[in-house]
Amino acid sequence: MQKASQIKVENLDHLGLIAGLVDEIGIVEKINELVGEQPGEIVSPGLVVKAMIVNGLGMVSAPLYLFSKFFEGKATEHLLGAGIQASHLNDDRLGRVLDKL
């Protein structure tokens, strides 16, 4: 059994439903297929778009440079995938993906 100090609580709200629908539709795979992935990318273009959809439907209106702040305190790995951290979703990464799109 885990001690209380080892438990980490993260917020999902309705974002889990949105992430599940994006996965079911297959948006991530389709965008990765069309845009292409580069070796060494931590977050694929499809996952960046998924993060933008989750953020947009999270009822938050903020500038692009604050995008990663939205995912702080949220279950980012659960929403977007293992190993994905809020810091990976910075404005530089989003801008590069938007340029490709």
C-alpha atoms as a PDB file:
ATOM      1  CA  MET A   1       0.000   0.000   0.000  1.00  0.00           C
ATOM      2  CA  GLN A   2       1.280   3.469  -0.881  1.00  0.00           C
ATOM      3  CA  LYS A   3       1.954   6.108   1.735  1.00  0.00           C
ATOM      4  CA  ALA A   4       0.026   9.359   1.439  1.00  0.00           C
ATOM      5  CA  SER A   5       3.225  11.227   0.552  1.00  0.00           C
ATOM      6  CA  GLN A   6       3.693   9.012  -2.550  1.00  0.00           C
ATOM      7  CA  ILE A   7       0.241   9.631  -3.997  1.00  0.00           C
ATOM      8  CA  LYS A   8       0.055  12.212  -6.755  1.00  0.00           C
ATOM      9  CA  VAL A   9      -3.360  13.659  -7.555  1.00  0.00           C
ATOM     10  CA  GLU A  10      -3.938  15.107 -11.026  1.00  0.00           C
ATOM     11  CA  ASN A  11      -7.050  16.670 -12.512  1.00  0.00           C
ATOM     12  CA  LEU A  12      -8.850  15.275 -15.571  1.00  0.00           C
ATOM     13  CA  ASP A  13     -12.256  17.008 -15.536  1.00  0.00           C
ATOM     14  CA  HIS A  14     -13.998  16.363 -18.869  1.00  0.00           C
ATOM     15  CA  LEU A  15     -10.711  16.269 -20.767  1.00  0.00           C
ATOM     16  CA  GLY A  16     -10.522  12.470 -20.547  1.00  0.00           C
ATOM     17  CA  LEU A  17     -13.689  12.214 -22.631  1.00  0.00           C
ATOM     18  CA  ILE A  18     -12.285  14.596 -25.234  1.00  0.00           C
ATOM     19  CA  ALA A  19      -8.970  12.727 -25.421  1.00  0.00           C
ATOM     20  CA  GLY A  20     -10.839   9.415 -25.757  1.00  0.00           C
ATOM     21  CA  LEU A  21     -12.953  10.722 -28.634  1.00  0.00           C
ATOM     22  CA  VAL A  22      -9.882  12.063 -30.435  1.00  0.00           C
ATOM     23  CA  ASP A  23      -8.269   8.628 -30.059  1.00  0.00           C
ATOM     24  CA  GLU A  24     -11.391   6.849 -31.289  1.00  0.00           C
ATOM     25  CA  ILE A  25     -11.640   9.040 -34.387  1.00  0.00           C
ATOM     26  CA  GLY A  26      -7.946   8.457 -35.174  1.00  0.00           C
ATOM     27  CA  ILE A  27      -6.936  12.079 -35.634  1.00  0.00           C
ATOM     28  CA  VAL A  28      -3.413  11.580 -34.252  1.00  0.00           C
ATOM     29  CA  GLU A  29      -2.557   8.760 -36.644  1.00  0.00           C
ATOM     30  CA  LYS A  30      -4.054  10.547 -39.661  1.00  0.00           C
ATOM     31  CA  ILE A  31      -2.117  13.761 -39.015  1.00  0.00           C
ATOM     32  CA  ASN A  32       1.117  11.833 -38.423  1.00  0.00           C
ATOM     33  CA  GLU A  33       0.520  10.020 -41.713  1.00  0.00           C
ATOM     34  CA  LEU A  34      -0.124  13.223 -43.663  1.00  0.00           C
ATOM     35  CA  VAL A  35       2.475  15.498 -42.065  1.00  0.00           C
ATOM     36  CA  GLY A  36       5.104  12.914 -41.189  1.00  0.00           C
ATOM     37  CA  GLU A  37       7.176  12.394 -38.095  1.00  0.00           C
ATOM     38  CA  GLN A  38      10.829  13.313 -37.655  1.00  0.00           C
ATOM     39  CA  PRO A  39      13.300  11.123 -35.758  1.00  0.00           C
ATOM     40  CA  GLY A  40      13.943  12.417 -32.256  1.00  0.00           C
ATOM     41  CA  GLU A  41      10.593  14.154 -31.825  1.00  0.00           C
ATOM     42  CA  ILE A  42       9.247  13.658 -28.318  1.00  0.00           C
ATOM     43  CA  VAL A  43       5.740  14.757 -29.281  1.00  0.00           C
ATOM     44  CA  SER A  44       4.468  13.872 -32.758  1.00  0.00           C
ATOM     45  CA  PRO A  45       2.511  16.416 -34.822  1.00  0.00           C
ATOM     46  CA  GLY A  46      -0.660  14.395 -34.270  1.00  0.00           C
ATOM     47  CA  LEU A  47      -0.219  14.517 -30.499  1.00  0.00           C
ATOM     48  CA  VAL A  48       0.368  18.265 -30.655  1.00  0.00           C
ATOM     49  CA  VAL A  49      -2.940  18.681 -32.496  1.00  0.00           C
ATOM     50  CA  LYS A  50      -4.625  16.425 -29.925  1.00  0.00           C
ATOM     51  CA  ALA A  51      -3.210  18.642 -27.170  1.00  0.00           C
ATOM     52  CA  MET A  52      -4.559  21.720 -28.986  1.00  0.00           C
ATOM     53  CA  ILE A  53      -8.015  20.140 -29.216  1.00  0.00           C
ATOM     54  CA  VAL A  54      -7.970  19.187 -25.524  1.00  0.00           C
ATOM     55  CA  ASN A  55      -6.806  22.699 -24.636  1.00  0.00           C
ATOM     56  CA  GLY A  56      -9.400  24.355 -26.867  1.00  0.00           C
ATOM     57  CA  LEU A  57     -12.242  22.332 -25.407  1.00  0.00           C
ATOM     58  CA  GLY A  58     -10.888  22.907 -21.912  1.00  0.00           C
ATOM     59  CA  MET A  59     -12.632  26.275 -22.012  1.00  0.00           C
ATOM     60  CA  VAL A  60      -9.381  28.196 -21.588  1.00  0.00           C
ATOM     61  CA  SER A  61      -8.468  31.270 -23.561  1.00  0.00           C
ATOM     62  CA  ALA A  62      -4.747  31.988 -23.274  1.00  0.00           C
ATOM     63  CA  PRO A  63      -1.873  33.032 -25.548  1.00  0.00           C
ATOM     64  CA  LEU A  64       0.230  30.340 -27.203  1.00  0.00           C
ATOM     65  CA  TYR A  65       3.233  30.931 -24.957  1.00  0.00           C
ATOM     66  CA  LEU A  66       1.123  29.847 -21.940  1.00  0.00           C
ATOM     67  CA  PHE A  67      -0.012  26.606 -23.603  1.00  0.00           C
ATOM     68  CA  SER A  68       2.169  24.329 -21.455  1.00  0.00           C
ATOM     69  CA  LYS A  69       0.806  25.949 -18.268  1.00  0.00           C
ATOM     70  CA  PHE A  70      -2.639  24.524 -19.123  1.00  0.00           C
ATOM     71  CA  PHE A  71      -1.319  20.966 -18.766  1.00  0.00           C
ATOM     72  CA  GLU A  72       0.509  21.550 -15.467  1.00  0.00           C
ATOM     73  CA  GLY A  73      -1.363  19.752 -12.702  1.00  0.00           C
ATOM     74  CA  LYS A  74      -3.327  17.683 -15.196  1.00  0.00           C
ATOM     75  CA  ALA A  75      -2.806  14.011 -15.985  1.00  0.00           C
ATOM     76  CA  THR A  76      -0.869  14.814 -19.166  1.00  0.00           C
ATOM     77  CA  GLU A  77       0.510  11.293 -19.601  1.00  0.00           C
ATOM     78  CA  HIS A  78      -2.977   9.858 -19.242  1.00  0.00           C
ATOM     79  CA  LEU A  79      -4.438  12.326 -21.746  1.00  0.00           C
ATOM     80  CA  LEU A  80      -1.666  12.334 -24.360  1.00  0.00           C
ATOM     81  CA  GLY A  81       0.534   9.298 -23.755  1.00  0.00           C
ATOM     82  CA  ALA A  82       3.326   7.893 -21.649  1.00  0.00           C
ATOM     83  CA  GLY A  83       6.359  10.122 -21.281  1.00  0.00           C
ATOM     84  CA  ILE A  84       4.599  13.314 -22.411  1.00  0.00           C
ATOM     85  CA  GLN A  85       5.109  16.223 -20.034  1.00  0.00           C
ATOM     86  CA  ALA A  86       3.610  19.702 -20.010  1.00  0.00           C
ATOM     87  CA  SER A  87       7.044  21.162 -20.791  1.00  0.00           C
ATOM     88  CA  HIS A  88       7.149  19.234 -24.094  1.00  0.00           C
ATOM     89  CA  LEU A  89       4.149  21.262 -25.307  1.00  0.00           C
ATOM     90  CA  ASN A  90       5.895  24.604 -25.567  1.00  0.00           C
ATOM     91  CA  ASP A  91       5.119  27.382 -28.023  1.00  0.00           C
ATOM     92  CA  ASP A  92       8.111  26.474 -30.228  1.00  0.00           C
ATOM     93  CA  ARG A  93       6.836  22.914 -30.750  1.00  0.00           C
ATOM     94  CA  LEU A  94       3.300  24.107 -31.416  1.00  0.00           C
ATOM     95  CA  GLY A  95       4.541  26.712 -33.897  1.00  0.00           C
ATOM     96  CA  ARG A  96       6.576  24.135 -35.842  1.00  0.00           C
ATOM     97  CA  VAL A  97       3.587  21.807 -36.108  1.00  0.00           C
ATOM     98  CA  LEU A  98       1.286  24.646 -37.161  1.00  0.00           C
ATOM     99  CA  ASP A  99       3.821  25.616 -39.854  1.00  0.00           C
ATOM    100  CA  LYS A 100       3.798  22.022 -41.158  1.00  0.00           C
ATOM    101  CA  LEU A 101       0.007  21.938 -41.192  1.00  0.00           C
END
